[in-house]
Amino acid sequence: MENKLVYGIHDKPKFGAMIVFAIQQLLAILAATIAVPAIVGNGMSASAALFGAGVGTIVYQLFTKFRSPVFLGSSFAFIGSMVAAFAGAASASLGFLGIILGAIFAGLVYVVIAIIVKLVGVKWINKLMPSVVIGPTVALIGLSLAGAAIKDVFSYGPQDGNGSFVMSGSAWVSFICAMVTLFVVTLCSTYGKKMTKLIPFIIGILAGYAVGMIFTAIGYATGNDALKIVDFAPFQALVADGVGVKTFIAVPQFTFLEAIKGVKDFDVSYLATVAVAYVPVALVVFAEHIADHKNLSSIIDQDLLEDPGLHRTLLGDGVGSIAGAFFGGCPNTTYGESVGCVAITRNASVATITTTAIMALLISFVSPFVAFLDSIPGCVMGGVCITLYGFIAVSGLKMIQKVDLEDNANLFTVSAILIPGIGGMAMAIGKVTITAIAASLILGIIVNIVLHAKKKDQE
């Protein structure tokens, strides 16, 4: 895992190649970005969330002076906050207004922290979160997503009472498509030449999709539903009311348009409900923001907390979340899938990330392409995610290599992060949910401070 970037931060691939690289980044972040509005429900739009992610990423790049190669997508950390905003609303329209106001509250938290960082610097963060703390936390981010990746691998297979996947016909088909995707991605990335090595995810997804289409065709020919894993419903929806303009171009259901209708139902007590739901989560996600940027820094061999500076990445993330939520309803965050894509392809070109953001804006209007993306089987994305999440985990383990684990203070700090995190030590305190990663990071910081303070006393 030596740092040999094919494209550095300021490099600009040729136009045709950059378009292909941007599509790859888009495919990497797509599933998670559109999953958040699907989970929250209440009429939220996946295409609007994709548009919001594009807007948020561009805002982030502007604040970071185009020096941080990462895409911002819908944040899972705020799902509970978004659900609470709808639950406490007198109408659905007020709920849409609430999730925009909530994103503003969360963004302002980032702005305040950014101002503090600008005034006092980042040295205190490096002391508070050294490699012994950040390393296992980054590894945990990847490991915590492992279950989601494997669930996708067996998207079409049932589980038994013990949680094992039952290898029936549909499970085998799902597993085969995932493995084809996985091996094509890894082989292209490891042994590919030139362009093949730079777009392993596109080739892998197309290979997995092609195998899925073969099984689906056989399924229709033989009447075997277990083989039909490619869903044509997104395409059928395009012509449900006949062929028209919407079959090809459709304006996303932007959040602010529905939110305007909710102004008449607004009251101050609801504002307090939204603030309580969003502000504490923003404070927790701040720690994950640092972990993501530390990980990305290790991959590109440049400390992003120093250049462009943590205050700029925080401002970009915070204001980007506000802008993204205005259009798509979802606060944004830096995506591990995007970081993993940079790590595997060694393409850290910010121009590629910016092109991806612009592409997300445009594609959200193109109905057939959105339908195609929706039709990609979950098992195919599961094969991709094994590699993406694995690289995140390995990046964290790479940081731990520099730590002296013969020293019990370091050993127990790492243990205090990994075990609670893998064990799922998420905590709900009132309306605030502290994720397992955030809880583990906080615990690791405390253990590290206590053990090293005691160690200094003995010296």
Protein backbone atom coordinates (compact mmCIF):
# COMPACT_ATOMS: atom_id res chain seq x y z
CA MET A 1 0.00 0.00 0.00
CA GLU A 2 2.77 2.42 -0.86
CA ASN A 3 1.60 5.87 -1.75
CA LYS A 4 2.12 6.05 -5.52
CA LEU A 5 -0.70 8.22 -6.80
CA VAL A 6 -1.45 7.92 -10.49
CA TYR A 7 -3.17 11.31 -10.35
CA GLY A 8 -2.31 13.82 -7.62
CA ILE A 9 -4.67 16.39 -6.14
CA HIS A 10 -3.97 19.04 -8.77
CA ASP A 11 -3.72 16.69 -11.76
CA LYS A 12 -6.39 16.85 -14.45
CA PRO A 13 -6.93 13.68 -16.49
CA LYS A 14 -7.89 14.04 -20.14
CA PHE A 15 -11.56 14.92 -20.59
CA GLY A 16 -12.72 11.49 -21.77
CA ALA A 17 -10.84 9.66 -19.04
CA MET A 18 -12.09 12.09 -16.40
CA ILE A 19 -15.71 11.44 -17.39
CA VAL A 20 -15.14 7.70 -16.95
CA PHE A 21 -13.39 8.23 -13.58
CA ALA A 22 -16.28 10.44 -12.46
CA ILE A 23 -18.83 7.76 -13.36
CA GLN A 24 -16.81 5.32 -11.25
CA GLN A 25 -16.87 7.67 -8.25
CA LEU A 26 -20.60 8.16 -8.76
CA LEU A 27 -21.23 4.42 -8.77
CA ALA A 28 -19.16 4.07 -5.59
CA ILE A 29 -21.21 6.62 -3.62
CA LEU A 30 -24.61 6.08 -5.23
CA ALA A 31 -26.14 3.29 -3.16
CA ALA A 32 -25.54 4.95 0.20
CA THR A 33 -26.52 8.42 -1.03
CA ILE A 34 -29.97 7.35 -2.20
CA ALA A 35 -30.46 4.88 0.67
CA VAL A 36 -30.89 7.63 3.29
CA PRO A 37 -34.04 9.19 1.77
CA ALA A 38 -35.41 5.67 1.20
CA ILE A 39 -34.93 4.82 4.89
CA VAL A 40 -36.39 8.10 6.18
CA GLY A 41 -39.36 7.89 3.82
CA ASN A 42 -42.08 10.53 4.11
CA GLY A 43 -41.93 11.20 0.38
CA MET A 44 -38.24 12.11 0.24
CA SER A 45 -36.71 11.93 -3.23
CA ALA A 46 -33.64 9.85 -4.13
CA SER A 47 -32.87 11.96 -7.21
CA ALA A 48 -33.13 15.14 -5.11
CA ALA A 49 -30.72 13.65 -2.57
CA LEU A 50 -28.28 12.91 -5.41
CA PHE A 51 -28.60 16.52 -6.59
CA GLY A 52 -28.06 17.74 -3.03
CA ALA A 53 -24.93 15.60 -2.71
CA GLY A 54 -23.56 17.17 -5.87
CA VAL A 55 -24.26 20.68 -4.58
CA GLY A 56 -22.76 19.88 -1.18
CA THR A 57 -19.59 18.49 -2.76
CA ILE A 58 -19.10 21.58 -4.91
CA VAL A 59 -19.57 23.83 -1.85
CA TYR A 60 -17.05 21.68 0.06
CA GLN A 61 -14.53 21.98 -2.78
CA LEU A 62 -14.95 25.75 -2.88
CA PHE A 63 -14.25 26.07 0.85
CA THR A 64 -11.27 23.71 0.70
CA LYS A 65 -9.82 25.50 -2.36
CA PHE A 66 -10.13 22.27 -4.38
CA ARG A 67 -7.44 20.53 -2.30
CA SER A 68 -9.39 17.67 -0.72
CA PRO A 69 -10.33 14.77 -3.06
CA VAL A 70 -13.51 13.44 -1.48
CA PHE A 71 -17.20 13.36 -2.38
CA LEU A 72 -19.92 14.31 0.11
CA GLY A 73 -23.05 12.17 0.25
CA SER A 74 -26.14 11.72 2.42
CA SER A 75 -25.17 11.23 6.07
CA PHE A 76 -26.50 8.15 7.87
CA ALA A 77 -25.72 9.73 11.24
CA PHE A 78 -28.64 12.14 10.86
CA ILE A 79 -31.29 9.56 9.94
CA GLY A 80 -32.69 9.58 13.50
CA SER A 81 -32.70 13.38 13.48
CA MET A 82 -34.58 13.48 10.19
CA VAL A 83 -37.15 10.95 11.40
CA ALA A 84 -37.61 13.04 14.57
CA ALA A 85 -38.17 16.18 12.46
CA PHE A 86 -40.99 14.49 10.58
CA ALA A 87 -42.42 12.85 13.70
CA GLY A 88 -42.66 16.18 15.55
CA ALA A 89 -44.19 18.05 12.61
CA ALA A 90 -47.85 19.00 12.36
CA SER A 91 -47.75 18.25 8.63
CA ALA A 92 -45.49 16.53 6.10
CA SER A 93 -44.60 19.92 4.60
CA LEU A 94 -43.49 21.19 8.01
CA GLY A 95 -41.35 18.06 8.29
CA PHE A 96 -39.54 19.05 5.09
CA LEU A 97 -39.01 22.54 6.51
CA GLY A 98 -37.75 20.91 9.72
CA ILE A 99 -35.05 18.85 8.01
CA ILE A 100 -33.75 22.00 6.28
CA LEU A 101 -33.72 23.92 9.58
CA GLY A 102 -32.04 20.95 11.25
CA ALA A 103 -29.29 20.93 8.63
CA ILE A 104 -28.79 24.65 9.27
CA PHE A 105 -28.37 23.96 13.00
CA ALA A 106 -25.90 21.15 12.30
CA GLY A 107 -24.01 23.30 9.80
CA LEU A 108 -23.74 26.14 12.30
CA VAL A 109 -22.16 23.75 14.81
CA TYR A 110 -19.46 23.03 12.25
CA VAL A 111 -19.03 26.76 11.57
CA VAL A 112 -18.53 27.50 15.29
CA ILE A 113 -16.00 24.66 15.66
CA ALA A 114 -14.22 25.86 12.51
CA ILE A 115 -13.86 29.34 13.99
CA ILE A 116 -12.41 27.87 17.19
CA VAL A 117 -9.96 25.74 15.18
CA LYS A 118 -8.93 28.77 13.14
CA LEU A 119 -8.18 30.71 16.34
CA VAL A 120 -6.32 28.00 18.29
CA GLY A 121 -4.95 25.73 15.54
CA VAL A 122 -5.03 21.91 15.21
CA LYS A 123 -2.15 20.82 17.43
CA TRP A 124 -4.57 20.10 20.27
CA ILE A 125 -6.47 17.72 17.97
CA ASN A 126 -3.31 15.82 17.09
CA LYS A 127 -2.56 15.47 20.81
CA LEU A 128 -6.14 14.47 21.60
CA MET A 129 -6.36 12.03 18.69
CA PRO A 130 -2.92 10.57 17.90
CA SER A 131 -2.42 7.53 15.64
CA VAL A 132 -3.18 5.14 18.50
CA VAL A 133 -6.71 6.63 18.61
CA ILE A 134 -7.36 7.56 14.98
CA GLY A 135 -5.93 4.32 13.51
CA PRO A 136 -8.36 1.89 15.14
CA THR A 137 -11.22 4.37 14.65
CA VAL A 138 -10.62 4.47 10.88
CA ALA A 139 -10.34 0.67 10.84
CA LEU A 140 -13.61 0.55 12.74
CA ILE A 141 -15.37 2.68 10.12
CA GLY A 142 -14.59 0.02 7.53
CA LEU A 143 -15.30 -2.93 9.82
CA SER A 144 -18.62 -1.48 10.96
CA LEU A 145 -19.80 -1.50 7.35
CA ALA A 146 -18.83 -5.14 6.83
CA GLY A 147 -22.27 -6.41 7.80
CA ALA A 148 -23.97 -4.11 5.30
CA ALA A 149 -21.67 -5.33 2.52
CA ILE A 150 -22.37 -9.02 3.24
CA LYS A 151 -26.10 -8.35 3.54
CA ASP A 152 -25.91 -6.88 0.03
CA VAL A 153 -23.97 -9.91 -1.22
CA PHE A 154 -26.92 -12.10 -0.23
CA SER A 155 -29.58 -9.55 -1.18
CA TYR A 156 -31.87 -12.23 -2.60
CA GLY A 157 -31.27 -15.00 -0.07
CA PRO A 158 -33.21 -15.71 3.16
CA GLN A 159 -31.61 -16.20 6.59
CA ASP A 160 -32.22 -19.00 9.06
CA GLY A 161 -32.87 -18.60 12.77
CA ASN A 162 -29.13 -18.38 13.51
CA GLY A 163 -28.54 -15.53 11.09
CA SER A 164 -26.82 -17.71 8.46
CA PHE A 165 -27.80 -17.18 4.83
CA VAL A 166 -29.76 -20.10 3.42
CA MET A 167 -28.08 -21.13 0.16
CA SER A 168 -31.21 -21.58 -1.90
CA GLY A 169 -31.42 -20.84 -5.63
CA SER A 170 -31.76 -17.07 -5.22
CA ALA A 171 -28.94 -16.95 -2.64
CA TRP A 172 -26.58 -18.78 -4.98
CA VAL A 173 -27.40 -16.44 -7.85
CA SER A 174 -26.85 -13.43 -5.60
CA PHE A 175 -23.58 -14.86 -4.29
CA ILE A 176 -22.27 -15.67 -7.80
CA CYS A 177 -23.00 -12.15 -9.09
CA ALA A 178 -21.28 -10.62 -6.05
CA MET A 179 -18.22 -12.83 -6.41
CA VAL A 180 -17.92 -12.11 -10.14
CA THR A 181 -18.00 -8.41 -9.32
CA LEU A 182 -15.48 -8.81 -6.49
CA PHE A 183 -12.95 -10.81 -8.51
CA VAL A 184 -13.22 -8.60 -11.60
CA VAL A 185 -12.62 -5.50 -9.44
CA THR A 186 -9.63 -7.03 -7.63
CA LEU A 187 -8.07 -8.52 -10.77
CA CYS A 188 -8.43 -5.29 -12.73
CA SER A 189 -7.03 -3.24 -9.86
CA THR A 190 -4.11 -5.62 -9.25
CA TYR A 191 -3.12 -6.77 -12.74
CA GLY A 192 -4.89 -4.30 -15.02
CA LYS A 193 -2.97 -2.10 -17.42
CA LYS A 194 -3.44 1.64 -17.87
CA MET A 195 -7.18 2.48 -18.02
CA THR A 196 -8.28 -0.94 -16.79
CA LYS A 197 -6.39 -0.39 -13.54
CA LEU A 198 -8.01 3.01 -13.07
CA ILE A 199 -11.65 1.95 -13.54
CA PRO A 200 -11.93 -1.42 -11.77
CA PHE A 201 -15.32 -0.58 -10.23
CA ILE A 202 -16.99 0.26 -13.52
CA ILE A 203 -15.70 -2.95 -15.12
CA GLY A 204 -16.65 -4.99 -12.04
CA ILE A 205 -20.16 -3.56 -11.82
CA LEU A 206 -20.79 -4.08 -15.53
CA ALA A 207 -19.52 -7.68 -15.26
CA GLY A 208 -21.74 -8.41 -12.26
CA TYR A 209 -24.70 -6.71 -13.94
CA ALA A 210 -24.15 -8.74 -17.12
CA VAL A 211 -24.14 -12.02 -15.17
CA GLY A 212 -27.27 -10.86 -13.35
CA MET A 213 -28.94 -10.14 -16.71
CA ILE A 214 -28.07 -13.65 -17.92
CA PHE A 215 -29.64 -15.23 -14.84
CA THR A 216 -32.66 -12.95 -15.15
CA ALA A 217 -33.15 -13.86 -18.82
CA ILE A 218 -32.99 -17.55 -17.93
CA GLY A 219 -35.46 -16.90 -15.13
CA TYR A 220 -37.99 -15.33 -17.49
CA ALA A 221 -37.45 -18.08 -20.08
CA THR A 222 -38.00 -20.87 -17.56
CA GLY A 223 -40.47 -19.13 -15.25
CA ASN A 224 -38.04 -19.39 -12.33
CA ASP A 225 -38.47 -16.30 -10.14
CA ALA A 226 -35.38 -17.16 -8.07
CA LEU A 227 -33.18 -16.25 -11.03
CA LYS A 228 -34.78 -12.84 -11.69
CA ILE A 229 -32.41 -10.54 -9.78
CA VAL A 230 -32.37 -7.55 -12.13
CA ASP A 231 -35.42 -5.40 -11.36
CA PHE A 232 -36.92 -3.74 -14.43
CA ALA A 233 -39.49 -1.80 -12.40
CA PRO A 234 -37.49 1.49 -12.57
CA PHE A 235 -37.57 1.28 -16.39
CA GLN A 236 -41.24 0.31 -16.47
CA ALA A 237 -42.09 3.34 -14.33
CA LEU A 238 -40.68 5.59 -17.06
CA VAL A 239 -43.44 4.52 -19.48
CA ALA A 240 -46.21 3.76 -16.99
CA ASP A 241 -48.21 6.77 -18.20
CA GLY A 242 -47.00 6.54 -21.78
CA VAL A 243 -43.88 7.93 -23.40
CA GLY A 244 -43.42 11.63 -22.73
CA VAL A 245 -40.92 14.22 -21.59
CA LYS A 246 -40.73 12.65 -18.11
CA THR A 247 -39.60 9.40 -19.71
CA PHE A 248 -36.32 11.11 -20.50
CA ILE A 249 -36.08 14.24 -18.32
CA ALA A 250 -37.67 14.84 -14.91
CA VAL A 251 -37.08 17.57 -12.34
CA PRO A 252 -36.24 16.08 -8.89
CA GLN A 253 -38.67 16.73 -6.04
CA PHE A 254 -36.54 19.37 -4.34
CA THR A 255 -36.99 19.64 -0.57
CA PHE A 256 -37.30 23.43 -0.42
CA LEU A 257 -40.36 23.38 -2.71
CA GLU A 258 -42.27 21.23 -0.22
CA ALA A 259 -40.78 23.06 2.76
CA ILE A 260 -42.23 26.37 1.61
CA LYS A 261 -45.72 24.91 2.07
CA GLY A 262 -44.90 24.09 5.71
CA VAL A 263 -44.18 27.69 6.76
CA LYS A 264 -47.85 28.21 7.68
CA ASP A 265 -47.64 25.37 10.27
CA PHE A 266 -44.40 26.57 11.86
CA ASP A 267 -44.12 27.39 15.59
CA VAL A 268 -41.20 28.06 17.94
CA SER A 269 -41.66 24.86 19.95
CA TYR A 270 -41.08 22.81 16.80
CA LEU A 271 -37.85 24.73 16.19
CA ALA A 272 -36.63 23.59 19.62
CA THR A 273 -37.53 19.98 18.77
CA VAL A 274 -35.46 20.14 15.59
CA ALA A 275 -32.49 21.79 17.34
CA VAL A 276 -32.40 19.09 20.02
CA ALA A 277 -32.52 16.40 17.33
CA TYR A 278 -29.68 17.81 15.22
CA VAL A 279 -27.16 19.77 17.31
CA PRO A 280 -25.87 16.92 19.55
CA VAL A 281 -25.47 14.64 16.52
CA ALA A 282 -23.40 17.31 14.77
CA LEU A 283 -21.05 17.41 17.76
CA VAL A 284 -20.62 13.64 17.58
CA VAL A 285 -20.12 13.57 13.79
CA PHE A 286 -17.33 16.14 14.19
CA ALA A 287 -15.13 13.35 15.53
CA GLU A 288 -15.90 11.18 12.52
CA HIS A 289 -15.10 14.14 10.25
CA ILE A 290 -11.58 14.23 11.70
CA ALA A 291 -11.16 10.46 11.34
CA ASP A 292 -12.20 10.55 7.66
CA HIS A 293 -9.78 13.37 6.87
CA LYS A 294 -6.94 11.72 8.80
CA ASN A 295 -7.54 8.57 6.75
CA LEU A 296 -7.64 10.48 3.47
CA SER A 297 -4.47 12.34 4.51
CA SER A 298 -2.61 9.06 4.98
CA ILE A 299 -3.73 7.87 1.54
CA ILE A 300 -2.64 10.99 -0.37
CA ASP A 301 0.36 11.62 1.91
CA GLN A 302 -0.71 15.16 2.71
CA ASP A 303 -2.10 16.41 6.03
CA LEU A 304 -5.49 17.90 5.16
CA LEU A 305 -5.85 19.23 8.71
CA GLU A 306 -2.95 21.55 7.91
CA ASP A 307 -3.56 22.19 4.19
CA PRO A 308 -6.20 23.28 3.31
CA GLY A 309 -6.81 23.22 7.06
CA LEU A 310 -9.38 21.66 9.37
CA HIS A 311 -11.26 24.95 9.62
CA ARG A 312 -11.81 24.86 5.85
CA THR A 313 -12.87 21.20 5.72
CA LEU A 314 -15.31 21.85 8.58
CA LEU A 315 -16.75 24.92 6.88
CA GLY A 316 -17.05 23.01 3.62
CA ASP A 317 -18.75 20.08 5.33
CA GLY A 318 -21.08 22.30 7.37
CA VAL A 319 -22.14 24.74 4.67
CA GLY A 320 -22.21 21.90 2.14
CA SER A 321 -24.66 20.04 4.38
CA ILE A 322 -26.93 23.08 4.56
CA ALA A 323 -26.86 23.51 0.78
CA GLY A 324 -27.37 19.79 0.18
CA ALA A 325 -30.32 19.59 2.57
CA PHE A 326 -31.95 22.64 0.96
CA PHE A 327 -32.28 20.63 -2.26
CA GLY A 328 -32.25 16.99 -1.13
CA GLY A 329 -33.18 17.10 2.56
CA CYS A 330 -30.13 15.12 3.70
CA PRO A 331 -27.16 16.66 5.55
CA ASN A 332 -23.97 15.56 3.80
CA THR A 333 -20.76 14.01 5.04
CA THR A 334 -17.47 12.89 3.55
CA TYR A 335 -17.97 9.38 2.17
CA GLY A 336 -15.81 6.39 3.05
CA GLU A 337 -16.79 4.86 -0.30
CA SER A 338 -15.24 7.86 -2.04
CA VAL A 339 -12.09 7.62 0.09
CA GLY A 340 -11.87 3.90 -0.68
CA CYS A 341 -12.21 4.59 -4.39
CA VAL A 342 -9.33 7.08 -4.20
CA ALA A 343 -7.22 4.57 -2.26
CA ILE A 344 -7.77 1.66 -4.64
CA THR A 345 -7.47 3.53 -7.95
CA ARG A 346 -4.76 5.93 -6.70
CA ASN A 347 -6.66 8.72 -8.40
CA ALA A 348 -6.68 11.70 -6.02
CA SER A 349 -7.57 14.24 -8.71
CA VAL A 350 -9.89 16.88 -7.25
CA ALA A 351 -10.93 17.64 -10.84
CA THR A 352 -12.37 14.12 -10.97
CA ILE A 353 -14.33 14.69 -7.74
CA THR A 354 -15.67 18.01 -9.01
CA THR A 355 -16.69 16.39 -12.29
CA THR A 356 -18.47 13.69 -10.28
CA ALA A 357 -20.40 16.40 -8.42
CA ILE A 358 -21.43 18.10 -11.65
CA MET A 359 -22.41 14.73 -13.08
CA ALA A 360 -24.57 14.03 -10.01
CA LEU A 361 -26.39 17.31 -10.62
CA LEU A 362 -27.05 16.52 -14.27
CA ILE A 363 -27.88 12.84 -13.88
CA SER A 364 -30.52 13.57 -11.24
CA PHE A 365 -32.59 15.02 -14.13
CA VAL A 366 -31.97 12.14 -16.58
CA SER A 367 -34.71 9.59 -15.96
CA PRO A 368 -33.27 6.58 -17.89
CA PHE A 369 -29.87 6.82 -16.21
CA VAL A 370 -31.45 7.14 -12.75
CA ALA A 371 -33.54 4.08 -13.61
CA PHE A 372 -30.40 2.17 -14.66
CA LEU A 373 -28.66 3.04 -11.41
CA ASP A 374 -31.74 1.93 -9.44
CA SER A 375 -31.77 -1.37 -11.33
CA ILE A 376 -28.23 -2.42 -10.35
CA PRO A 377 -28.72 -5.50 -8.13
CA GLY A 378 -27.76 -5.07 -4.49
CA CYS A 379 -25.52 -8.14 -4.69
CA VAL A 380 -23.40 -6.46 -7.36
CA MET A 381 -22.89 -3.45 -5.12
CA GLY A 382 -22.13 -5.86 -2.27
CA GLY A 383 -19.18 -7.25 -4.23
CA VAL A 384 -17.89 -3.71 -4.77
CA CYS A 385 -18.40 -2.73 -1.14
CA ILE A 386 -16.28 -5.63 0.14
CA THR A 387 -13.29 -3.97 -1.53
CA LEU A 388 -14.22 -0.39 -0.63
CA TYR A 389 -14.93 -1.03 3.05
CA GLY A 390 -11.96 -3.39 3.28
CA PHE A 391 -9.60 -0.66 2.08
CA ILE A 392 -10.96 1.72 4.72
CA ALA A 393 -10.31 -0.88 7.43
CA VAL A 394 -6.82 -1.64 6.13
CA SER A 395 -5.99 2.09 5.99
CA GLY A 396 -6.71 2.29 9.72
CA LEU A 397 -4.65 -0.81 10.44
CA LYS A 398 -1.80 0.74 8.48
CA MET A 399 -1.85 3.68 10.90
CA ILE A 400 -1.66 1.28 13.85
CA GLN A 401 1.53 -0.24 12.39
CA LYS A 402 3.35 2.88 13.53
CA VAL A 403 2.14 2.41 17.10
CA ASP A 404 4.18 0.51 19.72
CA LEU A 405 1.68 -2.16 20.80
CA GLU A 406 4.23 -3.63 23.22
CA ASP A 407 3.29 -0.64 25.36
CA ASN A 408 0.18 -1.59 27.37
CA ALA A 409 -1.09 2.00 27.33
CA ASN A 410 -1.32 1.82 23.55
CA LEU A 411 -2.57 -1.77 23.50
CA PHE A 412 -5.50 -1.04 25.81
CA THR A 413 -6.36 2.18 23.97
CA VAL A 414 -6.71 0.26 20.70
CA SER A 415 -8.69 -2.46 22.48
CA ALA A 416 -11.05 0.09 24.03
CA ILE A 417 -11.91 1.36 20.55
CA LEU A 418 -12.10 -1.82 18.49
CA ILE A 419 -14.13 -4.10 20.76
CA PRO A 420 -16.94 -1.67 21.71
CA GLY A 421 -17.08 -0.49 18.10
CA ILE A 422 -17.30 -3.95 16.55
CA GLY A 423 -19.69 -4.98 19.33
CA GLY A 424 -22.03 -2.13 18.35
CA MET A 425 -21.90 0.06 21.45
CA ALA A 426 -24.36 2.65 20.10
CA MET A 427 -26.21 4.56 22.81
CA ALA A 428 -29.52 6.40 22.70
CA ILE A 429 -29.61 9.22 25.23
CA GLY A 430 -33.03 10.78 25.02
CA LYS A 431 -33.54 11.76 21.39
CA VAL A 432 -29.82 11.70 20.69
CA THR A 433 -28.15 8.58 19.31
CA ILE A 434 -24.39 8.28 19.71
CA THR A 435 -23.16 5.91 17.02
CA ALA A 436 -20.93 2.97 17.92
CA ILE A 437 -18.01 4.61 16.11
CA ALA A 438 -18.43 7.91 17.93
CA ALA A 439 -18.89 6.19 21.31
CA SER A 440 -15.78 4.07 20.74
CA LEU A 441 -13.74 7.08 19.66
CA ILE A 442 -14.76 9.04 22.76
CA LEU A 443 -13.95 6.06 24.98
CA GLY A 444 -10.57 5.62 23.25
CA ILE A 445 -9.68 9.28 23.76
CA ILE A 446 -10.50 9.04 27.48
CA VAL A 447 -8.59 5.76 27.97
CA ASN A 448 -5.59 7.14 26.09
CA ILE A 449 -5.51 10.32 28.18
CA VAL A 450 -5.89 8.44 31.48
CA LEU A 451 -3.27 5.78 30.73
CA HIS A 452 -0.67 8.16 29.34
CA ALA A 453 -1.25 10.67 32.14
CA LYS A 454 -0.65 7.91 34.68
CA LYS A 455 2.38 6.79 32.72
CA LYS A 456 3.87 10.30 32.94
CA ASP A 457 3.31 10.33 36.70
CA GLN A 458 5.37 7.14 37.03
CA GLU A 459 8.27 8.49 34.95
